[in-house]
Protein backbone atom coordinates (compact mmCIF):
# COMPACT_ATOMS: atom_id res chain seq x y z
CA MET A 1 -1.70 4.23 30.08
CA PRO A 2 -1.02 0.32 30.42
CA PRO A 3 -4.14 -2.46 29.77
CA GLU A 4 -5.89 -2.53 32.86
CA SER A 5 -6.95 -5.50 34.37
CA GLY A 6 -9.24 -7.98 33.48
CA SER A 7 -7.87 -6.35 29.65
CA PRO A 8 -5.49 -8.21 27.78
CA PRO A 9 -3.42 -5.61 25.63
CA VAL A 10 -3.68 -5.68 22.12
CA ALA A 11 -0.94 -6.80 19.90
CA PHE A 12 -0.99 -5.11 15.99
CA LEU A 13 1.10 -8.20 13.94
CA THR A 14 2.60 -7.95 10.04
CA GLY A 15 4.06 -11.03 8.46
CA ALA A 16 1.45 -13.32 10.72
CA ALA A 17 1.53 -15.68 8.09
CA GLY A 18 5.44 -16.63 7.64
CA GLY A 19 7.66 -19.17 10.44
CA ILE A 20 8.13 -16.50 12.94
CA GLY A 21 4.90 -14.93 12.65
CA ARG A 22 3.07 -18.25 13.48
CA ALA A 23 5.18 -19.27 16.00
CA LEU A 24 4.87 -15.31 17.68
CA VAL A 25 1.24 -16.01 17.17
CA GLU A 26 0.65 -19.50 18.34
CA ARG A 27 2.75 -17.34 21.61
CA LEU A 28 0.83 -14.58 22.27
CA ARG A 29 -2.03 -16.54 22.03
CA ALA A 30 -1.19 -18.90 24.93
CA GLU A 31 -0.07 -15.46 26.89
CA ARG A 32 -3.89 -14.84 26.38
CA ARG A 33 -3.48 -11.89 23.94
CA GLN A 34 -5.68 -9.93 21.96
CA ILE A 35 -4.39 -10.37 18.17
CA TYR A 36 -4.80 -8.80 15.15
CA ALA A 37 -2.75 -10.98 12.28
CA THR A 38 -2.16 -9.55 9.01
CA ASP A 39 -0.27 -10.46 6.13
CA ARG A 40 -0.06 -10.47 2.36
CA ALA A 41 -1.47 -14.18 2.68
CA LEU A 42 -4.32 -13.42 4.79
CA ALA A 43 -7.55 -12.85 4.41
CA ALA A 44 -10.09 -10.93 6.73
CA VAL A 45 -12.27 -14.44 7.52
CA PRO A 46 -15.17 -14.63 10.07
CA CYS A 47 -13.40 -15.93 13.52
CA THR A 48 -15.56 -16.84 16.38
CA ASP A 49 -12.40 -15.76 18.70
CA SER A 50 -13.33 -11.67 19.77
CA GLY A 51 -9.42 -11.86 20.69
CA PHE A 52 -8.14 -12.44 17.13
CA ARG A 53 -8.65 -11.18 13.57
CA MET A 54 -6.99 -11.99 10.53
CA ALA A 55 -6.96 -9.16 7.67
CA SER A 56 -4.85 -9.02 4.79
CA LEU A 57 -2.30 -6.47 4.17
CA ASP A 58 0.80 -5.16 2.12
CA VAL A 59 3.14 -3.28 4.08
CA THR A 60 4.06 -1.17 1.02
CA ASP A 61 0.61 0.56 0.27
CA GLU A 62 0.13 3.22 2.85
CA ALA A 63 -3.51 3.56 2.90
CA ALA A 64 -3.83 0.18 3.50
CA ILE A 65 -1.56 0.15 6.49
CA ALA A 66 -3.62 3.32 8.20
CA ALA A 67 -6.59 1.26 6.91
CA ALA A 68 -5.90 -1.67 9.58
CA ILE A 69 -4.80 0.30 11.96
CA GLU A 70 -8.43 1.74 12.65
CA ASP A 71 -9.74 -1.22 11.62
CA CYS A 72 -7.91 -3.09 14.46
CA LEU A 73 -8.75 -0.07 16.33
CA ALA A 74 -12.97 -0.14 16.26
CA ALA A 75 -12.41 -4.18 16.93
CA PHE A 76 -10.12 -3.90 20.10
CA GLY A 77 -10.37 -0.71 21.11
CA ARG A 78 -7.20 -0.05 21.25
CA ILE A 79 -3.07 -0.83 19.72
CA ASP A 80 -0.58 -1.79 22.98
CA HIS A 81 2.39 -3.64 20.23
CA VAL A 82 3.38 -3.38 17.57
CA VAL A 83 5.29 -5.97 15.54
CA HIS A 84 6.76 -5.61 12.33
CA LEU A 85 7.93 -8.76 11.04
CA ALA A 86 6.75 -8.58 7.20
CA GLY A 87 10.15 -8.89 4.81
CA GLU A 88 10.91 -10.07 1.92
CA THR A 89 15.11 -11.86 1.27
CA GLY A 90 17.09 -10.64 -1.92
CA GLN A 91 19.81 -12.39 -3.55
CA GLY A 92 23.46 -10.51 -5.04
CA PRO A 93 25.65 -9.64 -5.86
CA LEU A 94 25.80 -6.00 -6.66
CA ASP A 95 26.11 -6.45 -10.28
CA ASP A 96 22.90 -9.15 -10.82
CA VAL A 97 20.66 -6.32 -8.65
CA SER A 98 18.37 -4.23 -11.05
CA ARG A 99 16.92 -0.82 -10.06
CA ALA A 100 13.27 -2.38 -9.58
CA GLU A 101 14.41 -5.09 -7.44
CA TRP A 102 16.52 -2.77 -4.68
CA ASP A 103 13.27 -0.59 -5.05
CA ARG A 104 11.20 -3.22 -3.92
CA LEU A 105 13.50 -4.89 -1.19
CA LEU A 106 13.73 -1.16 0.32
CA ALA A 107 10.09 -0.49 -0.02
CA VAL A 108 8.82 -4.60 1.53
CA ASN A 109 11.91 -4.34 4.19
CA LEU A 110 12.72 -0.91 5.45
CA THR A 111 10.43 2.28 3.84
CA SER A 112 7.09 0.11 5.39
CA ALA A 113 8.58 0.00 9.20
CA PHE A 114 8.25 3.85 8.68
CA LEU A 115 4.90 3.57 6.86
CA LEU A 116 3.44 1.85 10.04
CA ALA A 117 5.17 3.85 13.04
CA ARG A 118 3.03 6.90 11.47
CA ALA A 119 0.33 5.00 11.38
CA ALA A 120 0.59 3.39 14.36
CA HIS A 121 2.02 6.62 16.33
CA ALA A 122 -1.16 7.80 17.92
CA PRO A 123 -2.55 3.92 18.82
CA LEU A 124 1.68 3.62 20.91
CA ALA A 125 1.14 7.16 22.54
CA ALA A 126 -2.40 5.86 23.90
CA SER A 127 -1.25 2.95 25.99
CA GLN A 128 2.20 4.06 26.24
CA GLY A 129 3.17 1.03 24.06
CA SER A 130 5.78 0.00 22.05
CA LEU A 131 7.27 -0.90 18.52
CA THR A 132 9.11 -3.87 17.62
CA LEU A 133 10.62 -4.07 14.44
CA ILE A 134 12.10 -7.40 13.45
CA SER A 135 16.16 -6.53 11.52
CA SER A 136 18.88 -9.29 10.81
CA THR A 137 22.15 -10.51 11.54
CA ASN A 138 22.89 -9.45 7.97
CA GLY A 139 22.07 -5.44 9.15
CA LEU A 140 24.59 -5.65 11.68
CA ASN A 141 27.71 -7.51 10.20
CA GLY A 142 26.92 -6.59 6.49
CA GLY A 143 25.21 -9.45 5.04
CA SER A 144 26.37 -10.75 1.97
CA ALA A 145 25.14 -12.32 -1.44
CA LEU A 146 22.80 -14.93 0.56
CA SER A 147 20.27 -12.38 0.70
CA GLY A 148 22.02 -9.28 -1.56
CA PRO A 149 22.59 -5.91 -0.58
CA ALA A 150 19.18 -4.01 -0.42
CA TYR A 151 18.06 -6.59 2.28
CA ALA A 152 21.29 -6.10 4.39
CA VAL A 153 20.73 -2.30 3.77
CA ALA A 154 17.01 -1.89 4.96
CA LYS A 155 17.89 -4.11 7.72
CA ALA A 156 20.98 -2.22 9.10
CA GLY A 157 18.19 1.12 8.07
CA LEU A 158 16.24 -0.24 10.32
CA VAL A 159 18.00 -0.33 13.38
CA ASN A 160 18.91 3.41 13.67
CA LEU A 161 15.15 3.66 12.68
CA VAL A 162 14.64 2.19 16.45
CA ARG A 163 17.15 3.88 17.74
CA TYR A 164 16.39 6.98 16.71
CA LEU A 165 12.56 5.90 16.97
CA ALA A 166 12.96 5.80 21.15
CA LYS A 167 14.85 8.56 21.39
CA GLU A 168 11.89 10.69 19.75
CA TRP A 169 9.67 8.36 21.24
CA ALA A 170 9.85 8.03 24.13
CA PRO A 171 8.80 11.07 26.47
CA GLN A 172 5.58 8.95 25.05
CA ARG A 173 6.40 6.25 26.96
CA ILE A 174 6.63 4.09 23.77
CA ARG A 175 9.58 1.75 23.91
CA VAL A 176 11.15 0.83 20.72
CA ASN A 177 13.12 -2.09 20.18
CA ALA A 178 14.51 -4.97 17.29
CA VAL A 179 15.35 -8.49 16.67
CA ALA A 180 17.88 -9.04 15.16
CA PRO A 181 17.99 -12.88 14.48
CA GLY A 182 20.33 -15.17 12.55
CA PRO A 183 19.53 -18.28 9.82
CA ILE A 184 16.19 -18.97 11.19
CA ASP A 185 14.67 -22.67 10.47
CA THR A 186 12.17 -21.72 8.46
CA PRO A 187 11.07 -20.97 4.51
CA MET A 188 13.58 -18.05 4.23
CA VAL A 189 16.61 -20.57 4.90
CA ALA A 190 14.31 -23.69 3.29
CA ARG A 191 15.20 -21.79 0.03
CA PHE A 192 18.44 -22.59 -0.21
CA PRO A 193 19.60 -26.49 -1.59
CA ALA A 194 20.90 -28.91 0.95
CA GLY A 195 24.41 -28.61 1.17
CA GLU A 196 23.79 -24.57 1.48
CA ARG A 197 21.55 -25.16 4.73
CA ALA A 198 24.07 -27.24 6.28
CA ARG A 199 26.84 -25.19 5.64
CA ILE A 200 24.83 -22.07 7.22
CA ALA A 201 24.20 -24.16 10.31
CA ALA A 202 27.44 -25.16 10.70
CA ALA A 203 29.45 -21.57 10.34
CA VAL A 204 27.03 -21.00 13.51
CA PRO A 205 28.85 -20.89 16.55
CA LEU A 206 25.98 -23.34 18.50
CA GLY A 207 26.18 -25.17 16.16
CA ARG A 208 22.30 -25.43 14.02
CA LEU A 209 19.64 -23.54 12.82
CA GLY A 210 17.50 -21.21 15.37
CA GLU A 211 14.17 -22.08 15.49
CA ALA A 212 11.08 -19.21 14.86
CA ARG A 213 10.33 -20.25 18.75
CA GLU A 214 13.19 -18.83 19.82
CA VAL A 215 13.11 -15.62 17.67
CA ALA A 216 8.98 -15.74 18.73
CA ALA A 217 9.82 -15.96 22.96
CA ALA A 218 12.74 -12.67 22.16
CA ILE A 219 9.48 -10.34 20.64
CA ALA A 220 7.41 -12.02 23.48
CA TYR A 221 10.13 -10.66 26.31
CA LEU A 222 10.30 -7.45 24.69
CA ILE A 223 7.25 -6.97 24.15
CA GLY A 224 6.98 -7.96 27.76
CA ARG A 225 6.02 -6.58 31.38
CA ASP A 226 9.51 -7.57 32.24
CA ALA A 227 11.49 -5.38 29.03
CA THR A 228 9.41 -1.92 30.30
CA TRP A 229 13.22 -0.51 31.18
CA ILE A 230 14.26 -1.56 27.61
CA THR A 231 13.90 0.69 24.62
CA GLY A 232 16.58 1.61 21.35
CA THR A 233 18.07 -1.66 21.79
CA VAL A 234 18.29 -4.46 19.17
CA LEU A 235 18.23 -7.85 20.51
CA ASN A 236 20.75 -10.33 18.96
CA VAL A 237 18.76 -13.42 18.04
CA SER A 238 22.32 -15.36 16.46
CA GLY A 239 23.32 -18.58 18.52
CA GLY A 240 26.84 -16.13 17.90
CA GLY A 241 26.73 -15.91 15.03
CA VAL A 242 27.33 -12.57 15.46
CA LEU A 243 29.11 -11.27 18.73
CA ASP A 244 28.01 -7.48 20.22
């Protein structure tokens, strides 16, 4: 059931140290939500804020995911929302992508979502909560060599995973949605030379890169009380780069 009055919702986040992850943590803390933030780049550290925890997590490690879910439940007693932000881009073209790179990128971007969803299913059913996955416009329009084929395929797979789980989990009142950002001004885009970044921004109909806070706001909406009748949808946050 939804959190009782006076009991802030608990959000379990992966990829919390990334650009969008940090923006989402800031947003949710401002909304006074309880947060269990994980990332491969984070370490478990003592925290004086009883509503905030950090832990290291490799999202391709099934046992580590299960342990993190259990640790979150031990700390907060419930999980209301799971947001899977962790991911890694690649680079094409197809002939330049090795089998090992293909397997690794699908593991990080797609299989990780399957593992996380399975581990979080029971606590989300108990709370009638939500799962939010982070796809990409690359998963909607076929992508390009800038991010490579494996990334595009994995992000497209997340879209159908959302649609599948939204139907399967609806009887348990678990909502499942995705956000599909376009190019966002984070390290994932900052890796390109200045000229390439300018070209990417110019190709967006709104004429600029998106900001991490804008994606965080979209996620906060989907896990908030104003979106309680939304499930199975992919929220396109691309400045018009992809038109539904």
